[in-house]
Amino acid sequence: CFNTSFTENGNAINLADALPTTDAEGETMLPYTFTIENTCSLTANYNVNLESLQDTDLTLSNIKVSIDNETPSLLSDMTSVDTTIKDAIEAKNLKTGTLAAGESKSYALRMWLDENAPLETASNKTYKGKIVIDTSATK
């Protein structure tokens, strides 16, 4: 048996017509939360990736991301990985870890428009993305 499950809170990852926001304000926004669980008897390595979808026209260098209240980073500065979703244009790795058999881990992801982003860059722009969990069994 090798299987992991993914549960999300239902809030979409979507920035539409956002205004530049300070990190202090961004870190208080309602997060997108999700849980991954290793439902089998093998230990699993995992990667939490954020895949940007084709409908995105907001520049990644203007988007700030914080996962589990860690120091915010520009999405463009995060490590690029291969996309797995058909409509994805780019993927960034947010987290890497290991889950023992039966173990679960929950995450809270916040995203906002960086306070230094020019308003003309964000006007009438949208970001759409999906979380993808990439797992592999360990020995």
Protein backbone atom coordinates (compact mmCIF):
# COMPACT_ATOMS: atom_id res chain seq x y z
CA CYS A 1 0.00 0.00 0.00
CA PHE A 2 1.21 3.49 -0.86
CA ASN A 3 -1.32 6.28 -0.73
CA THR A 4 -1.66 9.83 0.53
CA SER A 5 -4.85 11.82 0.90
CA PHE A 6 -5.40 15.55 0.40
CA THR A 7 -8.10 17.58 2.13
CA GLU A 8 -8.65 21.29 1.53
CA ASN A 9 -10.90 23.87 3.15
CA GLY A 10 -12.58 24.84 -0.11
CA ASN A 11 -11.31 28.42 -0.34
CA ALA A 12 -10.01 29.01 -3.85
CA ILE A 13 -6.48 30.22 -4.48
CA ASN A 14 -7.36 33.29 -6.46
CA LEU A 15 -6.09 36.86 -6.52
CA ALA A 16 -8.31 39.09 -8.63
CA ASP A 17 -7.97 42.89 -8.79
CA ALA A 18 -5.89 42.80 -5.60
CA LEU A 19 -4.27 45.92 -4.20
CA PRO A 20 -0.67 46.08 -2.97
CA THR A 21 -0.54 44.91 0.64
CA THR A 22 2.13 45.06 3.34
CA ASP A 23 3.52 41.80 4.69
CA ALA A 24 1.99 42.57 8.09
CA GLU A 25 -1.48 42.86 6.51
CA GLY A 26 -0.96 39.87 4.21
CA GLU A 27 -0.02 37.63 7.09
CA THR A 28 -3.41 38.29 8.74
CA MET A 29 -5.48 37.34 5.67
CA LEU A 30 -7.72 34.28 5.67
CA PRO A 31 -5.50 31.36 4.62
CA TYR A 32 -6.10 28.56 2.16
CA THR A 33 -5.73 25.50 4.40
CA PHE A 34 -5.11 21.90 3.46
CA THR A 35 -4.02 18.63 5.05
CA ILE A 36 -2.07 15.74 3.61
CA GLU A 37 -2.14 12.31 5.22
CA ASN A 38 -0.12 9.16 4.64
CA THR A 39 -2.82 6.47 4.72
CA CYS A 40 -0.49 3.48 4.33
CA SER A 41 2.28 1.64 6.15
CA LEU A 42 5.24 3.09 4.20
CA THR A 43 6.97 6.38 4.93
CA ALA A 44 6.31 8.99 2.24
CA ASN A 45 8.38 11.92 1.03
CA TYR A 46 6.28 14.79 -0.30
CA ASN A 47 6.51 18.11 -2.08
CA VAL A 48 3.85 20.80 -1.79
CA ASN A 49 3.81 22.64 -5.12
CA LEU A 50 1.76 25.61 -6.29
CA GLU A 51 0.90 25.40 -9.98
CA SER A 52 -0.11 28.61 -11.75
CA LEU A 53 -2.93 28.13 -14.25
CA GLN A 54 -3.28 29.53 -17.78
CA ASP A 55 -5.82 32.16 -16.68
CA THR A 56 -3.05 33.88 -14.70
CA ASP A 57 -1.90 37.24 -16.01
CA LEU A 58 -0.47 38.62 -12.77
CA THR A 59 3.34 38.57 -12.69
CA LEU A 60 4.73 36.11 -10.11
CA SER A 61 7.35 38.66 -9.05
CA ASN A 62 4.48 40.74 -7.62
CA ILE A 63 2.93 37.97 -5.51
CA LYS A 64 3.97 37.32 -1.91
CA VAL A 65 3.49 33.90 -0.31
CA SER A 66 3.64 32.71 3.28
CA ILE A 67 3.07 29.10 4.28
CA ASP A 68 2.59 28.24 7.95
CA ASN A 69 3.43 31.81 9.02
CA GLU A 70 6.98 31.56 7.71
CA THR A 71 8.74 34.66 6.42
CA PRO A 72 6.95 35.84 3.27
CA SER A 73 8.70 35.32 -0.08
CA LEU A 74 8.02 36.46 -3.61
CA LEU A 75 6.48 33.59 -5.56
CA SER A 76 8.99 34.19 -8.37
CA ASP A 77 11.89 33.52 -5.94
CA MET A 78 10.65 30.05 -4.98
CA THR A 79 12.19 26.95 -6.57
CA SER A 80 10.68 26.04 -9.94
CA VAL A 81 9.52 22.44 -10.47
CA ASP A 82 7.84 20.56 -13.33
CA THR A 83 4.12 21.12 -13.79
CA THR A 84 1.72 18.19 -13.51
CA ILE A 85 -1.66 19.83 -14.25
CA LYS A 86 -2.65 20.04 -17.91
CA ASP A 87 -3.54 23.76 -17.77
CA ALA A 88 -0.57 24.80 -15.60
CA ILE A 89 1.98 27.25 -16.96
CA GLU A 90 4.46 27.20 -14.08
CA ALA A 91 5.00 25.40 -10.76
CA LYS A 92 6.81 26.46 -7.60
CA ASN A 93 7.79 24.30 -4.63
CA LEU A 94 6.44 25.64 -1.34
CA LYS A 95 7.37 22.86 1.08
CA THR A 96 9.12 19.50 1.23
CA GLY A 97 8.79 16.91 3.98
CA THR A 98 8.30 13.33 5.11
CA LEU A 99 5.23 11.64 6.56
CA ALA A 100 5.47 8.45 8.59
CA ALA A 101 2.77 5.81 8.19
CA GLY A 102 -0.56 7.20 9.40
CA GLU A 103 0.86 10.69 9.97
CA SER A 104 -0.76 13.88 8.68
CA LYS A 105 0.35 17.49 8.27
CA SER A 106 -1.78 20.60 7.84
CA TYR A 107 -0.70 23.81 6.13
CA ALA A 108 -2.01 27.36 5.93
CA LEU A 109 -1.13 29.28 2.76
CA ARG A 110 -1.54 33.04 2.41
CA MET A 111 -0.99 34.99 -0.81
CA TRP A 112 -1.17 38.71 -1.52
CA LEU A 113 0.03 41.36 -3.92
CA ASP A 114 3.41 42.69 -2.81
CA GLU A 115 3.32 46.24 -1.44
CA ASN A 116 5.99 47.27 -4.00
CA ALA A 117 3.96 46.10 -7.00
CA PRO A 118 2.99 49.01 -9.26
CA LEU A 119 -0.78 49.53 -9.40
CA GLU A 120 -0.75 49.44 -13.21
CA THR A 121 0.82 45.97 -13.00
CA ALA A 122 -2.05 44.65 -10.89
CA SER A 123 -5.01 46.49 -12.39
CA ASN A 124 -7.50 44.09 -13.94
CA LYS A 125 -5.09 41.16 -13.42
CA THR A 126 -5.74 37.74 -11.92
CA TYR A 127 -3.75 34.92 -10.37
CA LYS A 128 -5.21 31.39 -10.31
CA GLY A 129 -3.39 28.38 -8.98
CA LYS A 130 -3.76 24.92 -7.48
CA ILE A 131 -1.87 23.05 -4.81
CA VAL A 132 -0.37 19.77 -6.03
CA ILE A 133 1.13 17.21 -3.68
CA ASP A 134 3.89 15.07 -5.21
CA THR A 135 4.69 11.98 -3.13
CA SER A 136 7.10 9.06 -3.26
CA ALA A 137 7.65 6.08 -0.98
CA THR A 138 10.84 5.78 1.04
CA LYS A 139 12.64 2.67 2.16
